[in-house]
Protein backbone atom coordinates (compact mmCIF):
# COMPACT_ATOMS: atom_id res chain seq x y z
CA UNK A 1 118.15 28.09 100.89
CA UNK A 2 116.74 30.56 98.34
CA UNK A 3 118.03 34.10 98.31
CA UNK A 4 116.29 37.32 97.87
CA UNK A 5 117.45 40.83 97.44
CA UNK A 6 115.74 42.39 100.34
CA UNK A 7 115.70 46.13 100.64
CA UNK A 8 118.14 47.19 103.27
CA UNK A 9 117.49 50.04 105.79
CA UNK A 10 117.93 51.11 109.32
CA UNK A 11 120.76 49.94 111.81
CA UNK A 12 122.73 47.15 110.28
CA UNK A 13 125.08 45.96 112.89
CA UNK A 14 128.66 45.37 111.70
CA UNK A 15 128.86 42.15 113.68
CA UNK A 16 131.85 41.07 115.91
CA UNK A 17 132.93 37.42 115.60
CA UNK A 18 132.86 35.73 119.13
CA UNK A 19 135.70 33.29 119.57
CA UNK A 20 136.39 30.63 122.19
CA UNK A 21 138.65 31.77 124.95
CA UNK A 22 141.70 30.18 123.24
CA UNK A 23 140.94 32.03 119.98
CA UNK A 24 141.02 28.79 118.07
CA UNK A 25 137.26 28.71 116.84
CA UNK A 26 134.05 30.50 116.64
CA UNK A 27 132.02 30.30 119.86
CA UNK A 28 128.57 29.39 118.62
CA UNK A 29 126.75 29.81 121.96
CA UNK A 30 128.30 33.49 122.31
CA UNK A 31 127.28 34.28 118.79
CA UNK A 32 123.78 33.15 119.17
CA UNK A 33 123.40 35.11 122.54
CA UNK A 34 124.78 38.09 120.87
CA UNK A 35 122.53 38.06 117.92
CA UNK A 36 119.38 37.27 120.16
CA UNK A 37 120.45 40.60 122.04
CA UNK A 38 120.68 42.62 118.82
CA UNK A 39 117.37 41.38 117.53
CA UNK A 40 115.66 41.97 120.91
CA UNK A 41 117.11 45.58 120.93
CA UNK A 42 115.23 46.26 117.63
CA UNK A 43 118.12 46.57 115.17
CA UNK A 44 117.43 45.98 111.58
CA UNK A 45 120.06 43.76 110.07
CA UNK A 46 123.40 41.94 110.52
CA UNK A 47 126.62 42.38 108.64
CA UNK A 48 129.14 39.62 109.53
CA UNK A 49 132.54 39.28 107.93
CA UNK A 50 133.60 42.94 107.86
CA UNK A 51 136.34 44.79 109.76
CA UNK A 52 134.58 44.66 113.04
CA UNK A 53 134.20 40.82 112.47
CA UNK A 54 138.00 40.58 111.93
CA UNK A 55 137.53 38.83 108.61
CA UNK A 56 141.21 39.22 107.79
CA UNK A 57 142.11 36.90 110.77
CA UNK A 58 139.73 34.12 109.48
CA UNK A 59 139.98 31.32 107.10
CA UNK A 60 137.60 31.11 104.25
CA UNK A 61 136.01 27.99 105.86
CA UNK A 62 135.63 29.91 109.15
CA UNK A 63 134.00 32.85 107.27
CA UNK A 64 131.49 30.55 105.59
CA UNK A 65 130.62 28.91 108.95
CA UNK A 66 130.18 32.25 110.51
CA UNK A 67 127.79 33.41 107.84
CA UNK A 68 125.65 30.21 107.99
CA UNK A 69 125.53 30.39 111.77
CA UNK A 70 124.35 34.11 111.57
CA UNK A 71 121.61 33.36 109.00
CA UNK A 72 120.48 30.51 111.22
CA UNK A 73 120.36 32.58 114.38
CA UNK A 74 118.51 35.40 112.61
CA UNK A 75 115.60 33.06 111.89
CA UNK A 76 114.53 35.26 108.92
CA UNK A 77 113.84 38.16 111.17
CA UNK A 78 116.26 40.56 109.67
CA UNK A 79 118.37 40.40 106.54
CA UNK A 80 121.95 39.12 106.71
CA UNK A 81 124.50 40.83 104.57
CA UNK A 82 127.65 38.70 103.88
CA UNK A 83 131.09 40.38 104.06
CA UNK A 84 132.95 38.74 101.02
CA UNK A 85 135.87 40.97 100.59
CA UNK A 86 139.26 39.34 99.78
CA UNK A 87 142.64 40.07 98.20
CA UNK A 88 141.80 37.84 95.05
CA UNK A 89 138.81 37.76 92.91
CA UNK A 90 138.93 33.85 93.15
CA UNK A 91 138.19 34.13 97.05
CA UNK A 92 135.65 36.85 96.57
CA UNK A 93 133.73 34.74 94.17
CA UNK A 94 133.95 31.60 96.24
CA UNK A 95 132.61 33.49 99.18
CA UNK A 96 129.93 35.20 97.14
CA UNK A 97 128.51 32.00 95.72
CA UNK A 98 128.59 30.46 99.10
CA UNK A 99 126.65 33.53 100.52
CA UNK A 100 124.00 33.14 97.89
CA UNK A 101 123.47 29.57 98.45
CA UNK A 102 123.31 29.89 102.26
CA UNK A 103 120.64 32.54 102.07
CA UNK A 104 122.35 36.04 102.44
CA UNK A 105 120.19 39.02 101.62
CA UNK A 106 123.16 40.92 99.93
CA UNK A 107 126.97 41.13 99.82
CA UNK A 108 129.41 43.74 101.29
CA UNK A 109 132.63 43.94 99.29
CA UNK A 110 135.83 45.86 100.33
CA UNK A 111 138.11 46.43 97.62
CA UNK A 112 141.38 44.25 97.61
CA UNK A 113 143.65 45.70 100.43
CA UNK A 114 147.45 46.16 100.75
CA UNK A 115 147.73 46.97 96.90
CA UNK A 116 144.92 49.16 95.66
CA UNK A 117 143.09 48.28 92.33
CA UNK A 118 142.30 50.86 89.74
CA UNK A 119 138.76 51.86 88.81
CA UNK A 120 138.50 49.62 85.72
CA UNK A 121 139.68 46.55 87.97
CA UNK A 122 137.29 47.40 90.63
CA UNK A 123 134.43 47.59 88.19
CA UNK A 124 135.35 44.20 86.78
CA UNK A 125 135.62 42.67 90.28
CA UNK A 126 132.10 43.75 91.15
CA UNK A 127 130.69 42.60 87.96
CA UNK A 128 132.16 39.10 88.36
CA UNK A 129 130.97 38.85 92.00
CA UNK A 130 127.43 40.10 91.05
CA UNK A 131 127.34 37.53 88.03
CA UNK A 132 128.36 34.81 90.51
CA UNK A 133 125.81 35.46 93.15
CA UNK A 134 123.00 37.66 91.64
CA UNK A 135 122.90 39.41 95.03
CA UNK A 136 122.97 43.16 95.48
CA UNK A 137 126.41 44.58 96.50
CA UNK A 138 127.24 47.12 99.21
CA UNK A 139 130.41 48.85 98.22
CA UNK A 140 132.62 49.17 101.32
CA UNK A 141 134.18 52.48 100.94
CA UNK A 142 137.26 52.57 103.32
CA UNK A 143 140.12 54.34 101.77
CA UNK A 144 142.31 54.14 104.84
CA UNK A 145 142.44 50.36 104.37
CA UNK A 146 142.02 49.88 100.70
CA UNK A 147 144.28 52.75 99.50
CA UNK A 148 141.54 53.59 96.94
CA UNK A 149 139.90 57.02 96.97
CA UNK A 150 137.02 57.43 94.61
CA UNK A 151 134.87 60.51 93.82
CA UNK A 152 131.16 60.55 94.41
CA UNK A 153 130.40 60.16 90.70
CA UNK A 154 132.91 57.20 90.54
CA UNK A 155 131.21 55.57 93.55
CA UNK A 156 127.65 56.14 92.12
CA UNK A 157 128.85 54.73 88.79
CA UNK A 158 129.55 51.36 90.49
CA UNK A 159 125.83 50.87 90.20
CA UNK A 160 126.28 49.57 86.62
CA UNK A 161 128.31 46.76 88.02
CA UNK A 162 125.73 45.45 90.46
CA UNK A 163 126.43 47.88 93.31
CA UNK A 164 123.19 49.09 94.96
CA UNK A 165 124.35 50.27 98.29
CA UNK A 166 127.32 52.08 99.83
CA UNK A 167 128.91 51.68 103.26
CA UNK A 168 130.94 54.94 103.59
CA UNK A 169 133.70 54.70 106.05
CA UNK A 170 135.73 57.49 104.56
CA UNK A 171 134.98 60.15 107.15
CA UNK A 172 134.44 62.68 104.30
CA UNK A 173 131.22 64.30 105.23
CA UNK A 174 130.97 66.62 102.09
CA UNK A 175 131.49 63.56 99.75
CA UNK A 176 129.03 61.55 101.65
CA UNK A 177 126.53 64.52 101.40
CA UNK A 178 126.93 64.64 97.61
CA UNK A 179 126.23 60.89 97.40
CA UNK A 180 123.07 61.05 99.51
CA UNK A 181 121.55 64.25 97.64
CA UNK A 182 123.04 64.21 94.23
CA UNK A 183 123.41 60.46 93.53
CA UNK A 184 120.59 58.75 95.49
CA UNK A 185 118.86 57.59 92.24
CA UNK A 186 122.08 55.50 91.48
CA UNK A 187 123.25 54.21 94.89
CA UNK A 188 121.80 54.21 98.32
CA UNK A 189 124.39 55.53 100.73
CA UNK A 190 124.68 54.10 104.37
CA UNK A 191 126.88 55.97 106.89
CA UNK A 192 129.76 53.66 108.17
CA UNK A 193 131.74 56.24 110.00
CA UNK A 194 130.76 56.14 113.66
CA UNK A 195 131.12 59.78 114.76
CA UNK A 196 129.11 60.89 111.52
CA UNK A 197 125.93 58.72 112.35
CA UNK A 198 123.94 61.48 113.74
CA UNK A 199 124.65 63.69 110.77
CA UNK A 200 124.11 60.95 108.20
CA UNK A 201 120.61 60.04 109.61
CA UNK A 202 119.60 63.74 109.79
CA UNK A 203 120.88 64.17 106.17
CA UNK A 204 118.46 61.37 105.18
CA UNK A 205 120.65 58.29 104.44
CA UNK A 206 118.64 55.08 104.54
CA UNK A 207 120.69 53.55 107.39
CA UNK A 208 123.99 52.77 109.00
CA UNK A 209 126.38 49.90 109.05
CA UNK A 210 127.53 50.37 112.54
CA UNK A 211 129.95 48.58 114.69
CA UNK A 212 129.22 50.33 117.91
CA UNK A 213 125.75 48.71 117.68
CA UNK A 214 127.47 45.67 119.15
CA UNK A 215 127.90 47.55 122.41
CA UNK A 216 124.83 49.78 122.35
CA UNK A 217 122.11 48.05 120.23
CA UNK A 218 119.24 49.57 122.14
CA UNK A 219 120.64 53.13 121.99
CA UNK A 220 121.35 52.52 118.08
CA UNK A 221 117.88 51.47 117.39
CA UNK A 222 116.44 54.29 119.63
CA UNK A 223 118.49 56.78 117.70
CA UNK A 224 117.13 55.54 114.30
CA UNK A 225 113.59 55.54 115.58
CA UNK A 226 114.08 59.23 116.89
CA UNK A 227 115.69 60.63 113.84
CA UNK A 228 114.55 58.43 110.76
CA UNK A 229 111.10 57.41 111.92
CA UNK A 230 109.83 60.08 114.12
CA UNK A 231 111.81 63.12 112.99
CA UNK A 232 112.41 64.17 116.68
CA UNK A 233 115.59 66.14 116.55
CA UNK A 234 115.57 66.98 120.14
CA UNK A 235 115.28 63.42 121.31
CA UNK A 236 117.92 62.43 118.68
CA UNK A 237 120.39 64.94 120.25
CA UNK A 238 119.67 63.71 123.69
CA UNK A 239 120.56 60.25 122.52
CA UNK A 240 123.63 61.18 120.56
CA UNK A 241 125.05 62.93 123.47
CA UNK A 242 125.28 59.51 125.03
CA UNK A 243 126.41 57.74 121.95
CA UNK A 244 128.98 60.18 120.58
CA UNK A 245 131.65 59.69 123.28
CA UNK A 246 131.49 55.92 122.71
CA UNK A 247 131.88 56.44 118.96
CA UNK A 248 134.78 58.83 119.38
CA UNK A 249 136.62 56.30 121.67
CA UNK A 250 136.20 53.42 119.31
CA UNK A 251 137.66 55.38 116.45
CA UNK A 252 140.69 56.30 118.51
CA UNK A 253 141.69 52.58 119.00
CA UNK A 254 141.96 49.28 117.22
CA UNK A 255 138.40 48.98 116.49
CA UNK A 256 137.47 45.21 116.95
CA UNK A 257 139.64 45.35 120.19
CA UNK A 258 137.77 48.40 121.44
CA UNK A 259 134.31 47.05 120.57
CA UNK A 260 135.05 43.74 122.15
CA UNK A 261 136.23 45.37 125.24
CA UNK A 262 133.05 47.45 125.60
CA UNK A 263 130.98 44.23 125.26
CA UNK A 264 133.14 42.59 127.90
CA UNK A 265 132.63 45.68 130.30
CA UNK A 266 128.85 45.12 129.88
CA UNK A 267 129.11 41.44 130.78
CA UNK A 268 129.05 39.92 127.19
CA UNK A 269 132.07 37.65 126.82
CA UNK A 270 133.69 37.66 123.37
CA UNK A 271 136.82 35.56 123.48
CA UNK A 272 138.66 38.78 122.65
CA UNK A 273 140.25 39.66 119.26
CA UNK A 274 142.55 37.22 117.51
CA UNK A 275 146.42 37.73 118.05
CA UNK A 276 148.36 39.85 117.64
CA UNK A 277 145.49 42.17 118.97
CA UNK A 278 144.11 42.03 122.48
CA UNK A 279 141.42 43.44 124.63
CA UNK A 280 142.12 47.00 126.01
CA UNK A 281 143.76 47.13 129.38
CA UNK A 282 144.65 49.69 132.03
CA UNK A 283 143.87 53.41 131.22
CA UNK A 284 142.02 52.88 127.95
CA UNK A 285 139.73 50.19 129.51
CA UNK A 286 138.95 52.44 132.48
CA UNK A 287 138.17 55.22 130.17
CA UNK A 288 135.86 53.26 128.16
CA UNK A 289 134.18 51.87 131.27
CA UNK A 290 133.54 55.55 132.48
CA UNK A 291 132.33 56.54 129.02
CA UNK A 292 129.73 53.60 129.21
CA UNK A 293 128.56 54.47 132.66
CA UNK A 294 128.07 58.07 131.60
CA UNK A 295 125.75 56.75 128.80
CA UNK A 296 123.56 55.11 131.49
CA UNK A 297 124.89 51.72 130.94
CA UNK A 298 125.73 49.05 133.69
CA UNK A 299 129.41 48.30 133.61
CA UNK A 300 129.84 44.75 135.42
CA UNK A 301 133.51 44.39 134.82
């Protein structure tokens, strides 16, 4: 399948990976149903293979299979961005080449985690990934996981290595502001920190790579439409008053576990996260159920 560097904008869902109940395989039926729901809700793109998708708990072959399924189920309606981060250049390039061949619109690359790379090594990694795929790269800025903290000029400077976009999951609002307003001609900054989504869209960022949208795709699309399309700040505030408590809760727990618990509470089976992680239980589960009800959502479990 031919690839194109499609322009990315709007709500890009940081997609969960639904598993079978025993956790041994990707559940294709659940994945298709989930993608259908997201597309029907009006979201603008899919990003499998990131943190929310539990990529660190999957083999390379599972990650390839998952991407192929997502591209198939998207039916060309929205771009699919492949998460290809790994701890070695070899694995990143293998995933990047596969993504290009499979028809991904772009790549999302988190720096090698556990041991942080330096800036020179990061630039070399991005250059090699771009050369292998010829796909635009989203740099996944998540210092809490990568151990790598870059200044806004350093992040913007990655543009010379094939990086066109940024998913900012730093939680650093002033640095994100600088990237949006001072470096927008070098890199397109997307918000990736849930509780800063409202601010990011009001500030004028071109989109959000958002895990909470697995639970609330309709509200996510409505927020984008209110703030980015219509410029209706009052409606945006009304929607955000429902969304913010959900985002705050997700950031206070293991993220994939909390997102999948939210989906389960709304009647969308996920197979749960892979061990050693589990769905939330007892007090946290009850708390999330109440938050979802307060947002006007129908809790079925």
